[in-house]
C-alpha atoms as a PDB file:
ATOM      1  CA  UNK A   1     -24.232  99.826  -6.506  1.00  0.00           C
ATOM      2  CA  UNK A   2     -25.021 101.937  -9.585  1.00  0.00           C
ATOM      3  CA  UNK A   3     -21.989 104.141  -9.049  1.00  0.00           C
ATOM      4  CA  UNK A   4     -19.611 101.141  -8.970  1.00  0.00           C
ATOM      5  CA  UNK A   5     -20.789  99.873 -12.379  1.00  0.00           C
ATOM      6  CA  UNK A   6     -19.407 101.260 -15.599  1.00  0.00           C
ATOM      7  CA  UNK A   7     -21.765 103.373 -17.714  1.00  0.00           C
ATOM      8  CA  UNK A   8     -23.176 101.963 -20.915  1.00  0.00           C
ATOM      9  CA  UNK A   9     -22.127 103.058 -24.415  1.00  0.00           C
ATOM     10  CA  UNK A  10     -25.074 105.466 -24.765  1.00  0.00           C
ATOM     11  CA  UNK A  11     -24.422 106.962 -21.325  1.00  0.00           C
ATOM     12  CA  UNK A  12     -20.816 107.683 -22.287  1.00  0.00           C
ATOM     13  CA  UNK A  13     -21.615 109.172 -25.710  1.00  0.00           C
ATOM     14  CA  UNK A  14     -24.469 111.366 -24.466  1.00  0.00           C
ATOM     15  CA  UNK A  15     -22.562 112.264 -21.282  1.00  0.00           C
ATOM     16  CA  UNK A  16     -25.405 111.154 -19.054  1.00  0.00           C
ATOM     17  CA  UNK A  17     -23.764 108.266 -17.234  1.00  0.00           C
ATOM     18  CA  UNK A  18     -25.636 109.191 -14.031  1.00  0.00           C
ATOM     19  CA  UNK A  19     -28.819 107.835 -15.635  1.00  0.00           C
ATOM     20  CA  UNK A  20     -27.305 104.397 -16.280  1.00  0.00           C
ATOM     21  CA  UNK A  21     -28.494 101.541 -14.095  1.00  0.00           C
ATOM     22  CA  UNK A  22     -31.175 103.621 -12.353  1.00  0.00           C
ATOM     23  CA  UNK A  23     -33.689 100.787 -12.069  1.00  0.00           C
ATOM     24  CA  UNK A  24     -32.012  97.644 -13.333  1.00  0.00           C
ATOM     25  CA  UNK A  25     -28.342  96.679 -13.275  1.00  0.00           C
ATOM     26  CA  UNK A  26     -28.157  94.662 -16.462  1.00  0.00           C
ATOM     27  CA  UNK A  27     -26.185  95.426 -19.614  1.00  0.00           C
ATOM     28  CA  UNK A  28     -27.150  94.165 -23.069  1.00  0.00           C
ATOM     29  CA  UNK A  29     -24.814  93.913 -26.051  1.00  0.00           C
ATOM     30  CA  UNK A  30     -26.014  96.202 -28.810  1.00  0.00           C
ATOM     31  CA  UNK A  31     -25.208  93.575 -31.444  1.00  0.00           C
ATOM     32  CA  UNK A  32     -27.983  91.369 -29.978  1.00  0.00           C
ATOM     33  CA  UNK A  33     -30.568  94.009 -30.936  1.00  0.00           C
ATOM     34  CA  UNK A  34     -32.219  93.809 -34.342  1.00  0.00           C
ATOM     35  CA  UNK A  35     -30.781  95.909 -37.156  1.00  0.00           C
ATOM     36  CA  UNK A  36     -33.808  98.218 -37.151  1.00  0.00           C
ATOM     37  CA  UNK A  37     -33.388  98.809 -33.416  1.00  0.00           C
ATOM     38  CA  UNK A  38     -29.691  99.528 -33.954  1.00  0.00           C
ATOM     39  CA  UNK A  39     -30.527 102.051 -36.700  1.00  0.00           C
ATOM     40  CA  UNK A  40     -33.166 103.695 -34.488  1.00  0.00           C
ATOM     41  CA  UNK A  41     -30.706 103.902 -31.609  1.00  0.00           C
ATOM     42  CA  UNK A  42     -28.046 105.500 -33.824  1.00  0.00           C
ATOM     43  CA  UNK A  43     -30.571 107.954 -35.274  1.00  0.00           C
ATOM     44  CA  UNK A  44     -32.172 108.956 -31.963  1.00  0.00           C
ATOM     45  CA  UNK A  45     -28.836 109.340 -30.140  1.00  0.00           C
ATOM     46  CA  UNK A  46     -27.156 111.019 -33.163  1.00  0.00           C
ATOM     47  CA  UNK A  47     -24.369 108.438 -33.316  1.00  0.00           C
ATOM     48  CA  UNK A  48     -22.451 107.772 -36.521  1.00  0.00           C
ATOM     49  CA  UNK A  49     -21.530 104.185 -35.717  1.00  0.00           C
ATOM     50  CA  UNK A  50     -21.808 101.566 -33.005  1.00  0.00           C
ATOM     51  CA  UNK A  51     -18.787  99.585 -31.906  1.00  0.00           C
ATOM     52  CA  UNK A  52     -19.023  95.792 -31.898  1.00  0.00           C
ATOM     53  CA  UNK A  53     -18.407  95.459 -28.170  1.00  0.00           C
ATOM     54  CA  UNK A  54     -20.793  98.267 -27.190  1.00  0.00           C
ATOM     55  CA  UNK A  55     -23.307  97.579 -24.436  1.00  0.00           C
ATOM     56  CA  UNK A  56     -26.461  99.408 -23.407  1.00  0.00           C
ATOM     57  CA  UNK A  57     -28.129  99.472 -20.000  1.00  0.00           C
ATOM     58  CA  UNK A  58     -31.815  98.641 -19.700  1.00  0.00           C
ATOM     59  CA  UNK A  59     -32.634 102.240 -18.735  1.00  0.00           C
ATOM     60  CA  UNK A  60     -31.298 103.689 -22.008  1.00  0.00           C
ATOM     61  CA  UNK A  61     -32.751 100.810 -24.041  1.00  0.00           C
ATOM     62  CA  UNK A  62     -36.157 101.545 -22.561  1.00  0.00           C
ATOM     63  CA  UNK A  63     -35.790 105.328 -22.953  1.00  0.00           C
ATOM     64  CA  UNK A  64     -34.510 105.357 -26.556  1.00  0.00           C
ATOM     65  CA  UNK A  65     -36.166 102.273 -28.040  1.00  0.00           C
ATOM     66  CA  UNK A  66     -39.246 101.169 -26.140  1.00  0.00           C
ATOM     67  CA  UNK A  67     -40.737 104.361 -24.692  1.00  0.00           C
ATOM     68  CA  UNK A  68     -39.316 107.079 -26.967  1.00  0.00           C
ATOM     69  CA  UNK A  69     -42.513 107.659 -29.008  1.00  0.00           C
ATOM     70  CA  UNK A  70     -44.631 107.672 -25.835  1.00  0.00           C
ATOM     71  CA  UNK A  71     -42.423 110.302 -24.207  1.00  0.00           C
ATOM     72  CA  UNK A  72     -43.050 112.745 -27.071  1.00  0.00           C
ATOM     73  CA  UNK A  73     -46.120 114.752 -26.080  1.00  0.00           C
ATOM     74  CA  UNK A  74     -46.156 117.651 -28.568  1.00  0.00           C
ATOM     75  CA  UNK A  75     -45.518 118.401 -32.228  1.00  0.00           C
ATOM     76  CA  UNK A  76     -41.805 118.828 -32.931  1.00  0.00           C
ATOM     77  CA  UNK A  77     -42.686 121.615 -35.441  1.00  0.00           C
ATOM     78  CA  UNK A  78     -39.660 121.215 -37.752  1.00  0.00           C
ATOM     79  CA  UNK A  79     -40.655 123.958 -40.213  1.00  0.00           C
ATOM     80  CA  UNK A  80     -41.932 126.428 -37.557  1.00  0.00           C
ATOM     81  CA  UNK A  81     -45.453 126.438 -38.967  1.00  0.00           C
ATOM     82  CA  UNK A  82     -47.206 127.247 -35.685  1.00  0.00           C
ATOM     83  CA  UNK A  83     -46.256 129.284 -32.625  1.00  0.00           C
ATOM     84  CA  UNK A  84     -47.964 127.250 -29.907  1.00  0.00           C
ATOM     85  CA  UNK A  85     -47.473 123.650 -28.769  1.00  0.00           C
ATOM     86  CA  UNK A  86     -49.838 121.281 -30.579  1.00  0.00           C
ATOM     87  CA  UNK A  87     -50.754 118.264 -28.472  1.00  0.00           C
ATOM     88  CA  UNK A  88     -53.770 116.701 -30.234  1.00  0.00           C
ATOM     89  CA  UNK A  89     -54.026 114.280 -33.167  1.00  0.00           C
ATOM     90  CA  UNK A  90     -50.274 113.733 -33.292  1.00  0.00           C
ATOM     91  CA  UNK A  91     -48.712 111.201 -35.640  1.00  0.00           C
ATOM     92  CA  UNK A  92     -45.431 109.413 -35.001  1.00  0.00           C
ATOM     93  CA  UNK A  93     -42.611 110.032 -37.483  1.00  0.00           C
ATOM     94  CA  UNK A  94     -41.000 106.875 -38.859  1.00  0.00           C
ATOM     95  CA  UNK A  95     -37.292 106.604 -39.661  1.00  0.00           C
ATOM     96  CA  UNK A  96     -37.660 107.182 -43.419  1.00  0.00           C
ATOM     97  CA  UNK A  97     -39.793 110.310 -42.914  1.00  0.00           C
ATOM     98  CA  UNK A  98     -37.350 111.670 -40.333  1.00  0.00           C
ATOM     99  CA  UNK A  99     -34.412 111.204 -42.699  1.00  0.00           C
ATOM    100  CA  UNK A 100     -36.276 112.948 -45.542  1.00  0.00           C
ATOM    101  CA  UNK A 101     -37.277 115.895 -43.343  1.00  0.00           C
ATOM    102  CA  UNK A 102     -33.692 116.189 -42.087  1.00  0.00           C
ATOM    103  CA  UNK A 103     -32.410 116.251 -45.693  1.00  0.00           C
ATOM    104  CA  UNK A 104     -34.775 119.123 -46.459  1.00  0.00           C
ATOM    105  CA  UNK A 105     -33.845 121.014 -43.300  1.00  0.00           C
ATOM    106  CA  UNK A 106     -30.134 120.235 -43.517  1.00  0.00           C
ATOM    107  CA  UNK A 107     -29.906 119.231 -39.856  1.00  0.00           C
ATOM    108  CA  UNK A 108     -30.728 116.392 -37.472  1.00  0.00           C
ATOM    109  CA  UNK A 109     -33.694 118.181 -35.879  1.00  0.00           C
ATOM    110  CA  UNK A 110     -36.317 115.472 -36.387  1.00  0.00           C
ATOM    111  CA  UNK A 111     -35.787 111.993 -34.992  1.00  0.00           C
ATOM    112  CA  UNK A 112     -37.799 108.850 -35.612  1.00  0.00           C
ATOM    113  CA  UNK A 113     -40.430 108.587 -32.901  1.00  0.00           C
ATOM    114  CA  UNK A 114     -41.071 112.314 -32.618  1.00  0.00           C
ATOM    115  CA  UNK A 115     -44.593 113.544 -33.302  1.00  0.00           C
ATOM    116  CA  UNK A 116     -46.076 115.761 -36.012  1.00  0.00           C
ATOM    117  CA  UNK A 117     -49.460 117.464 -35.997  1.00  0.00           C
ATOM    118  CA  UNK A 118     -51.959 116.943 -38.872  1.00  0.00           C
ATOM    119  CA  UNK A 119     -50.933 120.264 -40.406  1.00  0.00           C
ATOM    120  CA  UNK A 120     -47.716 118.723 -41.734  1.00  0.00           C
ATOM    121  CA  UNK A 121     -48.991 116.314 -44.415  1.00  0.00           C
ATOM    122  CA  UNK A 122     -49.813 119.331 -46.607  1.00  0.00           C
ATOM    123  CA  UNK A 123     -46.206 120.486 -46.234  1.00  0.00           C
ATOM    124  CA  UNK A 124     -44.910 116.995 -46.981  1.00  0.00           C
ATOM    125  CA  UNK A 125     -46.942 116.830 -50.199  1.00  0.00           C
ATOM    126  CA  UNK A 126     -45.491 120.118 -51.396  1.00  0.00           C
ATOM    127  CA  UNK A 127     -41.944 118.908 -50.708  1.00  0.00           C
ATOM    128  CA  UNK A 128     -42.540 115.529 -52.332  1.00  0.00           C
ATOM    129  CA  UNK A 129     -41.885 113.373 -49.263  1.00  0.00           C
ATOM    130  CA  UNK A 130     -45.193 111.550 -49.283  1.00  0.00           C
ATOM    131  CA  UNK A 131     -45.054 107.913 -48.230  1.00  0.00           C
ATOM    132  CA  UNK A 132     -46.279 105.003 -50.328  1.00  0.00           C
ATOM    133  CA  UNK A 133     -48.957 104.182 -47.766  1.00  0.00           C
ATOM    134  CA  UNK A 134     -50.696 107.530 -48.184  1.00  0.00           C
ATOM    135  CA  UNK A 135     -50.404 107.326 -51.965  1.00  0.00           C
ATOM    136  CA  UNK A 136     -52.129 103.946 -52.079  1.00  0.00           C
ATOM    137  CA  UNK A 137     -54.921 105.112 -49.762  1.00  0.00           C
ATOM    138  CA  UNK A 138     -55.566 108.135 -52.004  1.00  0.00           C
ATOM    139  CA  UNK A 139     -55.727 105.925 -55.104  1.00  0.00           C
ATOM    140  CA  UNK A 140     -58.404 103.750 -53.501  1.00  0.00           C
ATOM    141  CA  UNK A 141     -60.745 106.665 -52.696  1.00  0.00           C
ATOM    142  CA  UNK A 142     -63.922 106.610 -54.799  1.00  0.00           C
ATOM    143  CA  UNK A 143     -66.381 109.510 -54.402  1.00  0.00           C
ATOM    144  CA  UNK A 144     -69.937 108.676 -53.283  1.00  0.00           C
ATOM    145  CA  UNK A 145     -71.434 109.849 -56.596  1.00  0.00           C
ATOM    146  CA  UNK A 146     -69.251 107.407 -58.541  1.00  0.00           C
ATOM    147  CA  UNK A 147     -70.273 104.540 -56.272  1.00  0.00           C
ATOM    148  CA  UNK A 148     -73.968 105.353 -56.807  1.00  0.00           C
ATOM    149  CA  UNK A 149     -73.428 105.611 -60.548  1.00  0.00           C
ATOM    150  CA  UNK A 150     -71.673 102.217 -60.668  1.00  0.00           C
ATOM    151  CA  UNK A 151     -74.471 100.672 -58.604  1.00  0.00           C
ATOM    152  CA  UNK A 152     -77.147 102.152 -60.887  1.00  0.00           C
ATOM    153  CA  UNK A 153     -75.369 100.817 -63.988  1.00  0.00           C
ATOM    154  CA  UNK A 154     -75.140  97.321 -62.542  1.00  0.00           C
ATOM    155  CA  UNK A 155     -78.801  97.396 -61.441  1.00  0.00           C
ATOM    156  CA  UNK A 156     -79.895  98.567 -64.896  1.00  0.00           C
ATOM    157  CA  UNK A 157     -77.907  95.686 -66.403  1.00  0.00           C
ATOM    158  CA  UNK A 158     -79.844  93.254 -64.195  1.00  0.00           C
ATOM    159  CA  UNK A 159     -83.167  94.695 -65.328  1.00  0.00           C
ATOM    160  CA  UNK A 160     -83.935  96.502 -62.069  1.00  0.00           C
ATOM    161  CA  UNK A 161     -84.651 100.212 -61.838  1.00  0.00           C
ATOM    162  CA  UNK A 162     -81.823 102.331 -60.377  1.00  0.00           C
ATOM    163  CA  UNK A 163     -81.655 103.540 -56.775  1.00  0.00           C
ATOM    164  CA  UNK A 164     -83.263 106.793 -55.791  1.00  0.00           C
ATOM    165  CA  UNK A 165     -81.586 108.300 -52.786  1.00  0.00           C
ATOM    166  CA  UNK A 166     -83.894 110.249 -50.524  1.00  0.00           C
ATOM    167  CA  UNK A 167     -82.856 111.914 -47.343  1.00  0.00           C
ATOM    168  CA  UNK A 168     -84.594 111.194 -44.061  1.00  0.00           C
ATOM    169  CA  UNK A 169     -85.756 114.368 -42.396  1.00  0.00           C
ATOM    170  CA  UNK A 170     -84.248 115.335 -39.076  1.00  0.00           C
ATOM    171  CA  UNK A 171     -87.734 115.148 -37.504  1.00  0.00           C
ATOM    172  CA  UNK A 172     -88.082 111.496 -38.585  1.00  0.00           C
ATOM    173  CA  UNK A 173     -84.652 110.664 -37.200  1.00  0.00           C
ATOM    174  CA  UNK A 174     -85.286 112.449 -33.933  1.00  0.00           C
ATOM    175  CA  UNK A 175     -88.746 111.113 -33.115  1.00  0.00           C
ATOM    176  CA  UNK A 176     -88.036 107.580 -34.169  1.00  0.00           C
ATOM    177  CA  UNK A 177     -89.973 106.194 -37.049  1.00  0.00           C
ATOM    178  CA  UNK A 178     -89.673 102.431 -37.190  1.00  0.00           C
ATOM    179  CA  UNK A 179     -86.464 101.200 -38.796  1.00  0.00           C
ATOM    180  CA  UNK A 180     -88.383  99.611 -41.687  1.00  0.00           C
ATOM    181  CA  UNK A 181     -89.827 103.005 -42.628  1.00  0.00           C
ATOM    182  CA  UNK A 182     -86.437 104.689 -42.481  1.00  0.00           C
ATOM    183  CA  UNK A 183     -84.803 101.995 -44.570  1.00  0.00           C
ATOM    184  CA  UNK A 184     -87.575 102.198 -47.163  1.00  0.00           C
ATOM    185  CA  UNK A 185     -87.309 105.960 -47.243  1.00  0.00           C
ATOM    186  CA  UNK A 186     -83.559 105.910 -47.920  1.00  0.00           C
ATOM    187  CA  UNK A 187     -83.625 103.822 -51.085  1.00  0.00           C
ATOM    188  CA  UNK A 188     -86.380 102.768 -53.447  1.00  0.00           C
ATOM    189  CA  UNK A 189     -85.720  99.812 -55.706  1.00  0.00           C
ATOM    190  CA  UNK A 190     -88.694  99.135 -57.934  1.00  0.00           C
ATOM    191  CA  UNK A 191     -88.852  96.004 -60.029  1.00  0.00           C
ATOM    192  CA  UNK A 192     -89.843  96.441 -63.670  1.00  0.00           C
END
C-alpha cells in the first residue's frame, strides 16, 4: 500500500520517498503546523520555502520535528574542537543558536536540535553568540563571601553579633554527632 501512495513533500525534496508512509499512511498539510514547526522543518531539511499545498507524512513529521533532538547522540562539533565523539552532558541547540553558528561558519552545518558538548559555551562567549538566558543567570550569581557579608551587615543592624562560620571536621561528619551539635558547630549567633 505504501508504494501506491504518493510521497510527501519532504520525501520528494530529500529524495527519500521510500521512507514515506512506513508506519502510518496519513498525510498532514504543512500549513496546519505552527509557524515555529514550519521554520524548524525548513531549517532541518535545508529547504528555502514551503509551498502552500505541501503535505508531510507522519514518518517525516516524527523524524524531523518530534524525535529529531532525541536521535542526536553525539556532539556535532562544528568548530572541530575535539577529535573523538563526545556523548555526555550534551545540550540541544535551539534555532537561534544554530543560525548564529551557521553565520560564523558560513555553511548550514549545524541544525536546530543537534547537540553540543559543554566545551562549546567558551567558544560561543568568544564569538559573542551568548544567549540572553545565560547572561541573566550570570548576573544573578552572588559569591558566598558576599552573601555572608550581607547577612553579617543585616544582623549587626538588628543588634545581633555576626555569624562565625566554622567547618565541621570530617571525623564528626563520618561518625555522626547529633544533628543539633553539627548545626551549632556550623554557625554561632550570640546575642548581645
